[in-house]
Amino acid sequence: MPVTPLRSGIVGVGFIGEVHARAVRAAGGVVAGVAASSPDRAAVGAARVGAEHAFDSAIELIESDDIDVVHVCTPNAHHLDIAEHALKNGKTVICEKPLALSRADAEHLASIAETNSVVTAVPFVYRFYPAVRDARHRIANGETGRLRVLHGSYLQDWMSNPADGNWRVDPAAGGASRAFADIGVHWCDLMEFTTGHRIVRISARTVIAFAQRGADPAGMVDVTTEDAATVMFETDRGAIGSVVVSQVSPGRKNRLWFSFDGADASVGFNQESPDSLWLGGRTTNQTVMRSPETLPASAQRYSLLPAGHPQGYQDCFDAFVGDVYATVRGETLDGLPTFADGLRAAVLTDAVLRSAATDSWIEVAT
């Protein structure tokens, strides 16, 4: 019997809104409508992403009986109000991180989601690389032995010039944390998801590369949010770790890398070479390519193309939205990031900021 396509509304039609729109269609959904900061912007956005309708406001979109799923793709400051209204209207909600500008508001949203028993999701899409699922399987099966050292980095360069800037530089729009809240939480989510470890203590340092930013010398703005951070941590299973997060590292476009080192073996992954997993041993190292012959069953769902045909970020996003929609239809799938995971990101961000401000170790609830 044919499945009725889910009808989605996207609030915010910038870069990430377009990514969501492509993923909706890949998942068999319909981009039923969009909303933006004004009706005119919504009309332009609807034409760009091929939406059926341009709504005059986010509220109108959320309250429409024609919308099943609300995708929140706005600047961070608007996430709370839009997501809360969508939850209270019984919609499935996919909200970009951070859920809100504060830990308390993220807790509020996660609580509403739990109370209302609706499907929610946060796009921690790096979980959906087949190589990451392979690494997770190997760790869970004991191939690495007890994990001791968990380390890596997430490096970009799009803010490495003082003329670079966007709405994220304004804490009123983006929040008190910039680099860590934007990309550092992705690394931490990936580490905890892949290893099963949870961070319990954090010591962080942050740096602001430029005191002011702006393309026009007459319109420079003061910068109060970090461009980079180093974070040391301890986990609930006795491992230690560190991550370097930067948006001011020239030459690094989107280099998310990890190495999880155990008693018997290490596993390594680089998001810029996503079709391979590095396996380190005492006497030999291996690079395992994504292939039906090597992937465990838990990763096969996300391996869409024959070996040697690279999959990338959009494929991960498509898989993520596909799993959200499958969950709405009643399937139970492993590893879908929900608002609880969005709250976890807010908890870690809060700990990083407090540690950096007080020059101290901060305890983190698991």
Protein backbone atom coordinates (compact mmCIF):
# COMPACT_ATOMS: atom_id res chain seq x y z
CA MET A 1 0.00 0.00 0.00
CA PRO A 2 1.47 3.41 -0.98
CA VAL A 3 2.86 5.53 1.86
CA THR A 4 1.53 9.07 2.04
CA PRO A 5 4.51 11.44 1.76
CA LEU A 6 5.22 13.59 4.79
CA ARG A 7 4.77 17.28 4.08
CA SER A 8 7.51 19.49 5.42
CA GLY A 9 7.81 23.18 6.18
CA ILE A 10 11.24 24.80 6.34
CA VAL A 11 11.73 27.96 8.40
CA GLY A 12 14.82 29.70 7.11
CA VAL A 13 16.02 29.20 3.54
CA GLY A 14 19.73 30.00 3.63
CA PHE A 15 22.46 27.44 2.97
CA ILE A 16 21.29 24.95 5.56
CA GLY A 17 17.64 25.35 4.59
CA GLU A 18 18.56 24.30 1.05
CA VAL A 19 20.39 21.26 2.44
CA HIS A 20 17.24 20.32 4.36
CA ALA A 21 15.09 20.75 1.25
CA ARG A 22 17.23 18.34 -0.76
CA ALA A 23 17.14 15.85 2.12
CA VAL A 24 13.34 16.08 2.39
CA ARG A 25 12.98 15.04 -1.24
CA ALA A 26 15.58 12.29 -0.92
CA ALA A 27 13.53 10.91 1.98
CA GLY A 28 10.39 10.86 -0.16
CA GLY A 29 8.88 13.93 1.50
CA VAL A 30 7.36 17.05 0.02
CA VAL A 31 8.67 20.57 0.58
CA ALA A 32 5.19 21.92 1.17
CA GLY A 33 6.22 25.39 2.26
CA VAL A 34 8.86 27.74 3.58
CA ALA A 35 8.93 30.78 5.80
CA ALA A 36 11.65 33.38 6.23
CA SER A 37 12.29 36.71 7.93
CA SER A 38 9.78 38.41 5.60
CA PRO A 39 7.14 37.36 3.06
CA ASP A 40 9.35 38.62 0.22
CA ARG A 41 12.31 36.52 1.39
CA ALA A 42 10.01 33.53 1.75
CA ALA A 43 8.81 33.94 -1.84
CA VAL A 44 12.38 34.08 -3.12
CA GLY A 45 13.33 31.10 -0.97
CA ALA A 46 10.35 29.06 -2.11
CA ALA A 47 11.33 29.57 -5.74
CA ARG A 48 14.95 28.63 -4.98
CA VAL A 49 14.17 25.36 -3.19
CA GLY A 50 11.07 24.47 -5.19
CA ALA A 51 8.59 24.71 -2.32
CA GLU A 52 4.89 24.57 -3.04
CA HIS A 53 4.04 27.60 -0.92
CA ALA A 54 5.64 30.63 0.70
CA PHE A 55 4.14 31.38 4.13
CA ASP A 56 4.06 34.92 5.47
CA SER A 57 5.50 33.85 8.84
CA ALA A 58 6.84 30.91 10.81
CA ILE A 59 3.70 30.92 12.93
CA GLU A 60 1.49 30.59 9.85
CA LEU A 61 3.61 27.70 8.60
CA ILE A 62 3.56 25.88 11.94
CA GLU A 63 -0.18 26.24 12.39
CA SER A 64 -0.97 25.06 8.88
CA ASP A 65 -2.76 21.70 8.67
CA ASP A 66 -0.73 21.10 5.51
CA ILE A 67 2.56 20.75 7.44
CA ASP A 68 3.59 17.51 9.17
CA VAL A 69 7.26 18.26 9.90
CA VAL A 70 8.83 21.61 10.81
CA HIS A 71 12.50 22.15 9.96
CA VAL A 72 14.01 25.01 11.99
CA CYS A 73 16.90 26.49 9.97
CA THR A 74 16.96 30.08 11.24
CA PRO A 75 19.69 31.97 13.09
CA ASN A 76 20.13 30.51 16.57
CA ALA A 77 18.22 33.17 18.51
CA HIS A 78 14.94 32.12 16.87
CA HIS A 79 15.22 28.37 17.53
CA LEU A 80 13.55 28.43 20.94
CA ASP A 81 10.34 30.21 20.01
CA ILE A 82 9.84 28.41 16.70
CA ALA A 83 10.60 24.94 18.04
CA GLU A 84 8.44 25.46 21.14
CA HIS A 85 5.46 26.60 19.07
CA ALA A 86 5.89 23.66 16.70
CA LEU A 87 6.09 21.17 19.58
CA LYS A 88 2.98 22.57 21.18
CA ASN A 89 1.18 22.20 17.85
CA GLY A 90 2.09 18.50 17.77
CA LYS A 91 4.48 18.73 14.85
CA THR A 92 7.56 16.64 14.29
CA VAL A 93 10.46 19.06 14.73
CA ILE A 94 13.94 18.99 13.24
CA CYS A 95 15.89 21.88 14.78
CA GLU A 96 19.39 22.95 13.90
CA LYS A 97 21.74 23.19 16.85
CA PRO A 98 21.96 24.86 19.23
CA LEU A 99 18.45 24.19 20.43
CA ALA A 100 18.55 27.56 22.22
CA LEU A 101 20.99 30.23 23.35
CA SER A 102 21.13 28.92 26.93
CA ARG A 103 21.27 25.60 28.69
CA ALA A 104 18.08 26.44 30.59
CA ASP A 105 16.14 27.09 27.40
CA ALA A 106 17.49 23.90 25.81
CA GLU A 107 16.29 21.99 28.91
CA HIS A 108 12.91 23.64 28.46
CA LEU A 109 12.59 22.44 24.86
CA ALA A 110 13.77 18.92 25.66
CA SER A 111 11.21 18.74 28.47
CA ILE A 112 8.36 19.84 26.20
CA ALA A 113 9.42 17.29 23.59
CA GLU A 114 9.39 14.52 26.19
CA THR A 115 6.05 15.60 27.65
CA ASN A 116 4.35 15.88 24.26
CA SER A 117 5.80 12.58 22.98
CA VAL A 118 6.55 13.97 19.52
CA VAL A 119 9.42 12.97 17.27
CA THR A 120 12.29 15.45 17.48
CA ALA A 121 15.73 15.53 15.93
CA VAL A 122 18.90 17.60 15.80
CA PRO A 123 21.14 17.28 12.71
CA PHE A 124 24.25 15.66 14.17
CA VAL A 125 24.62 14.19 10.72
CA TYR A 126 28.23 13.01 10.96
CA ARG A 127 26.81 9.98 12.77
CA PHE A 128 25.48 8.82 9.41
CA TYR A 129 28.75 8.15 7.63
CA PRO A 130 29.07 4.39 7.08
CA ALA A 131 32.70 4.59 8.27
CA VAL A 132 31.56 6.10 11.57
CA ARG A 133 29.02 3.31 12.06
CA ASP A 134 31.80 0.85 11.25
CA ALA A 135 34.04 2.42 13.91
CA ARG A 136 31.22 2.27 16.43
CA HIS A 137 30.63 -1.41 15.67
CA ARG A 138 34.32 -2.28 16.04
CA ILE A 139 34.59 -0.48 19.38
CA ALA A 140 31.42 -2.10 20.74
CA ASN A 141 32.66 -5.52 19.62
CA GLY A 142 35.88 -5.07 21.56
CA GLU A 143 38.29 -4.86 18.62
CA THR A 144 40.06 -1.83 20.09
CA GLY A 145 40.18 -3.12 23.64
CA ARG A 146 39.58 -0.65 26.43
CA LEU A 147 39.71 2.90 25.06
CA ARG A 148 42.28 5.08 26.79
CA VAL A 149 42.82 8.24 24.71
CA LEU A 150 40.11 10.00 22.67
CA HIS A 151 41.42 12.90 20.63
CA GLY A 152 40.86 14.90 17.49
CA SER A 153 39.97 18.23 15.98
CA TYR A 154 37.39 20.12 13.97
CA LEU A 155 39.04 22.82 11.88
CA GLN A 156 37.67 25.38 9.42
CA ASP A 157 39.05 28.59 7.90
CA TRP A 158 36.01 30.61 6.91
CA MET A 159 36.59 33.13 9.74
CA SER A 160 40.38 33.41 9.38
CA ASN A 161 40.30 36.96 7.96
CA PRO A 162 39.20 39.99 10.04
CA ALA A 163 36.86 40.96 7.20
CA ASP A 164 35.01 37.66 7.61
CA GLY A 165 31.78 37.68 9.56
CA ASN A 166 28.11 36.85 9.66
CA TRP A 167 25.26 36.90 12.16
CA ARG A 168 27.04 34.35 14.38
CA VAL A 169 29.52 37.03 15.51
CA ASP A 170 26.66 38.81 17.31
CA PRO A 171 26.00 36.93 20.57
CA ALA A 172 22.41 38.17 20.56
CA ALA A 173 21.85 36.21 17.34
CA GLY A 174 24.32 33.37 17.68
CA GLY A 175 24.84 32.87 21.40
CA ALA A 176 27.66 33.27 23.90
CA SER A 177 29.74 30.55 22.21
CA ARG A 178 30.56 30.58 18.53
CA ALA A 179 33.18 28.05 17.38
CA PHE A 180 32.49 25.42 20.03
CA ALA A 181 28.69 25.73 19.87
CA ASP A 182 28.81 25.68 16.07
CA ILE A 183 31.24 22.84 15.36
CA GLY A 184 32.82 21.64 18.62
CA VAL A 185 29.55 20.07 19.70
CA HIS A 186 29.56 18.04 16.48
CA TRP A 187 32.90 16.49 17.44
CA CYS A 188 31.77 15.78 21.00
CA ASP A 189 28.52 14.22 19.81
CA LEU A 190 30.42 12.05 17.36
CA MET A 191 32.89 10.95 20.04
CA GLU A 192 30.21 10.02 22.56
CA PHE A 193 28.07 8.29 19.92
CA THR A 194 30.93 6.28 18.45
CA THR A 195 32.67 5.25 21.67
CA GLY A 196 29.82 5.03 24.18
CA HIS A 197 31.87 7.19 26.56
CA ARG A 198 30.39 10.29 28.18
CA ILE A 199 32.37 13.38 29.11
CA VAL A 200 32.29 13.99 32.87
CA ARG A 201 34.95 16.70 33.38
CA ILE A 202 36.13 19.51 31.11
CA SER A 203 38.98 22.00 31.09
CA ALA A 204 38.77 24.51 28.24
CA ARG A 205 40.61 27.50 26.83
CA THR A 206 39.27 29.82 24.15
CA VAL A 207 40.76 32.49 21.91
CA ILE A 208 39.38 35.44 19.99
CA ALA A 209 41.49 35.92 16.86
CA PHE A 210 40.37 39.48 16.09
CA ALA A 211 39.09 42.04 18.57
CA GLN A 212 36.97 43.54 15.80
CA ARG A 213 35.55 42.25 12.54
CA GLY A 214 34.05 43.87 9.47
CA ALA A 215 34.58 44.36 5.75
CA ASP A 216 34.14 48.13 6.12
CA PRO A 217 36.66 49.91 8.43
CA ALA A 218 33.92 52.36 9.35
CA GLY A 219 31.58 49.59 10.45
CA MET A 220 33.79 47.29 12.51
CA VAL A 221 32.07 45.37 15.31
CA ASP A 222 33.57 44.20 18.59
CA VAL A 223 34.02 40.45 18.93
CA THR A 224 33.20 38.72 22.21
CA THR A 225 32.71 35.10 21.10
CA GLU A 226 35.52 32.61 20.52
CA ASP A 227 37.11 31.73 17.19
CA ALA A 228 38.86 28.66 18.57
CA ALA A 229 38.93 26.45 21.66
CA THR A 230 41.00 23.66 23.12
CA VAL A 231 39.17 21.24 25.38
CA MET A 232 40.64 18.53 27.61
CA PHE A 233 38.21 16.04 29.11
CA GLU A 234 37.75 12.88 31.14
CA THR A 235 35.06 10.28 30.54
CA ASP A 236 32.84 8.09 32.67
CA ARG A 237 34.78 5.00 31.54
CA GLY A 238 38.19 6.22 32.57
CA ALA A 239 39.51 7.61 29.30
CA ILE A 240 41.15 10.99 28.78
CA GLY A 241 40.82 13.13 25.69
CA SER A 242 41.19 16.41 23.92
CA VAL A 243 39.77 18.27 20.95
CA VAL A 244 40.93 21.39 19.12
CA VAL A 245 38.15 23.45 17.56
CA SER A 246 38.91 26.32 15.19
CA GLN A 247 37.25 28.41 12.52
CA VAL A 248 40.46 30.37 11.88
CA SER A 249 42.79 27.63 10.57
CA PRO A 250 43.83 28.55 6.99
CA GLY A 251 43.55 25.70 4.54
CA ARG A 252 41.14 23.66 6.64
CA LYS A 253 37.70 23.75 5.06
CA ASN A 254 35.77 21.26 7.15
CA ARG A 255 38.28 18.89 8.71
CA LEU A 256 36.57 16.87 11.40
CA TRP A 257 39.08 14.21 12.50
CA PHE A 258 39.24 11.75 15.38
CA SER A 259 41.46 8.99 16.69
CA PHE A 260 40.10 6.73 19.42
CA ASP A 261 43.00 4.76 20.85
CA GLY A 262 42.49 1.53 22.76
CA ALA A 263 44.59 -1.13 24.44
CA ASP A 264 44.67 -3.28 21.29
CA ALA A 265 43.93 -0.96 18.36
CA SER A 266 43.02 2.57 17.31
CA VAL A 267 40.33 3.78 14.92
CA GLY A 268 40.61 7.03 12.99
CA PHE A 269 38.27 8.98 10.72
CA ASN A 270 38.64 12.16 8.66
CA GLN A 271 35.42 13.75 7.39
CA GLU A 272 37.25 15.19 4.38
CA SER A 273 38.03 11.59 3.31
CA PRO A 274 34.80 10.05 4.52
CA ASP A 275 34.80 6.78 2.61
CA SER A 276 37.62 5.28 4.63
CA LEU A 277 38.33 4.22 8.20
CA TRP A 278 41.89 3.99 9.55
CA LEU A 279 42.70 1.06 11.81
CA GLY A 280 45.92 1.27 13.79
CA GLY A 281 47.76 -1.72 15.26
CA ARG A 282 51.08 -2.33 16.96
CA THR A 283 52.61 -4.02 13.92
CA THR A 284 50.32 -3.10 11.03
CA ASN A 285 47.95 -0.32 10.01
CA GLN A 286 45.01 -0.63 7.64
CA THR A 287 42.83 1.73 5.66
CA VAL A 288 39.43 0.10 5.23
CA MET A 289 37.38 1.52 2.37
CA ARG A 290 33.61 1.68 2.45
CA SER A 291 32.45 -1.52 0.81
CA PRO A 292 29.65 -4.07 1.23
CA GLU A 293 32.35 -6.65 1.94
CA THR A 294 33.69 -4.78 4.99
CA LEU A 295 30.76 -2.93 6.54
CA PRO A 296 28.76 -4.38 9.45
CA ALA A 297 25.00 -4.69 9.10
CA SER A 298 24.50 -1.56 11.21
CA ALA A 299 26.32 0.50 8.56
CA GLN A 300 24.90 -1.11 5.43
CA ARG A 301 21.72 1.02 5.62
CA TYR A 302 23.81 4.14 5.03
CA SER A 303 26.04 2.82 2.26
CA LEU A 304 24.06 3.85 -0.80
CA LEU A 305 26.58 3.66 -3.63
CA PRO A 306 28.98 0.98 -4.87
CA ALA A 307 32.50 1.02 -3.44
CA GLY A 308 34.68 3.67 -5.04
CA HIS A 309 31.76 6.07 -5.60
CA PRO A 310 32.28 8.65 -2.82
CA GLN A 311 29.50 9.59 -0.45
CA GLY A 312 29.56 12.87 1.43
CA TYR A 313 27.86 15.40 3.67
CA GLN A 314 24.60 15.68 1.73
CA ASP A 315 24.28 11.89 1.72
CA CYS A 316 24.59 11.95 5.53
CA PHE A 317 21.95 14.64 5.76
CA ASP A 318 19.66 12.67 3.46
CA ALA A 319 20.11 9.59 5.66
CA PHE A 320 19.43 11.59 8.81
CA VAL A 321 16.16 13.06 7.49
CA GLY A 322 15.22 9.65 6.12
CA ASP A 323 15.61 8.14 9.58
CA VAL A 324 13.54 10.94 11.13
CA TYR A 325 10.71 10.31 8.67
CA ALA A 326 10.95 6.55 9.18
CA THR A 327 10.65 7.13 12.93
CA VAL A 328 7.53 9.23 12.37
CA ARG A 329 6.08 6.25 10.50
CA GLY A 330 6.76 3.97 13.45
CA GLU A 331 10.17 2.43 12.78
CA THR A 332 12.66 2.12 15.65
CA LEU A 333 16.15 3.01 14.45
CA ASP A 334 19.44 3.10 16.27
CA GLY A 335 21.35 6.34 16.62
CA LEU A 336 18.83 9.04 15.71
CA PRO A 337 19.94 12.29 17.44
CA THR A 338 16.99 13.81 19.31
CA PHE A 339 16.37 16.92 21.40
CA ALA A 340 18.00 15.03 24.28
CA ASP A 341 21.20 15.09 22.25
CA GLY A 342 20.66 18.77 21.51
CA LEU A 343 20.40 19.36 25.25
CA ARG A 344 23.62 17.39 25.74
CA ALA A 345 25.36 19.81 23.35
CA ALA A 346 24.05 22.75 25.37
CA VAL A 347 25.33 21.18 28.61
CA LEU A 348 28.81 20.73 27.11
CA THR A 349 28.84 24.26 25.68
CA ASP A 350 27.91 25.68 29.07
CA ALA A 351 30.72 23.70 30.70
CA VAL A 352 33.28 24.90 28.14
CA LEU A 353 32.33 28.53 28.66
CA ARG A 354 32.41 28.22 32.46
CA SER A 355 35.76 26.45 32.38
CA ALA A 356 37.32 29.05 30.10
CA ALA A 357 35.94 31.90 32.21
CA THR A 358 37.13 30.48 35.54
CA ASP A 359 40.35 28.73 34.43
CA SER A 360 39.18 25.56 36.16
CA TRP A 361 37.96 22.03 35.63
CA ILE A 362 34.16 21.77 35.39
CA GLU A 363 32.12 18.71 36.32
CA VAL A 364 29.64 17.68 33.63
CA ALA A 365 26.50 15.67 34.34
CA THR A 366 26.14 12.59 32.16
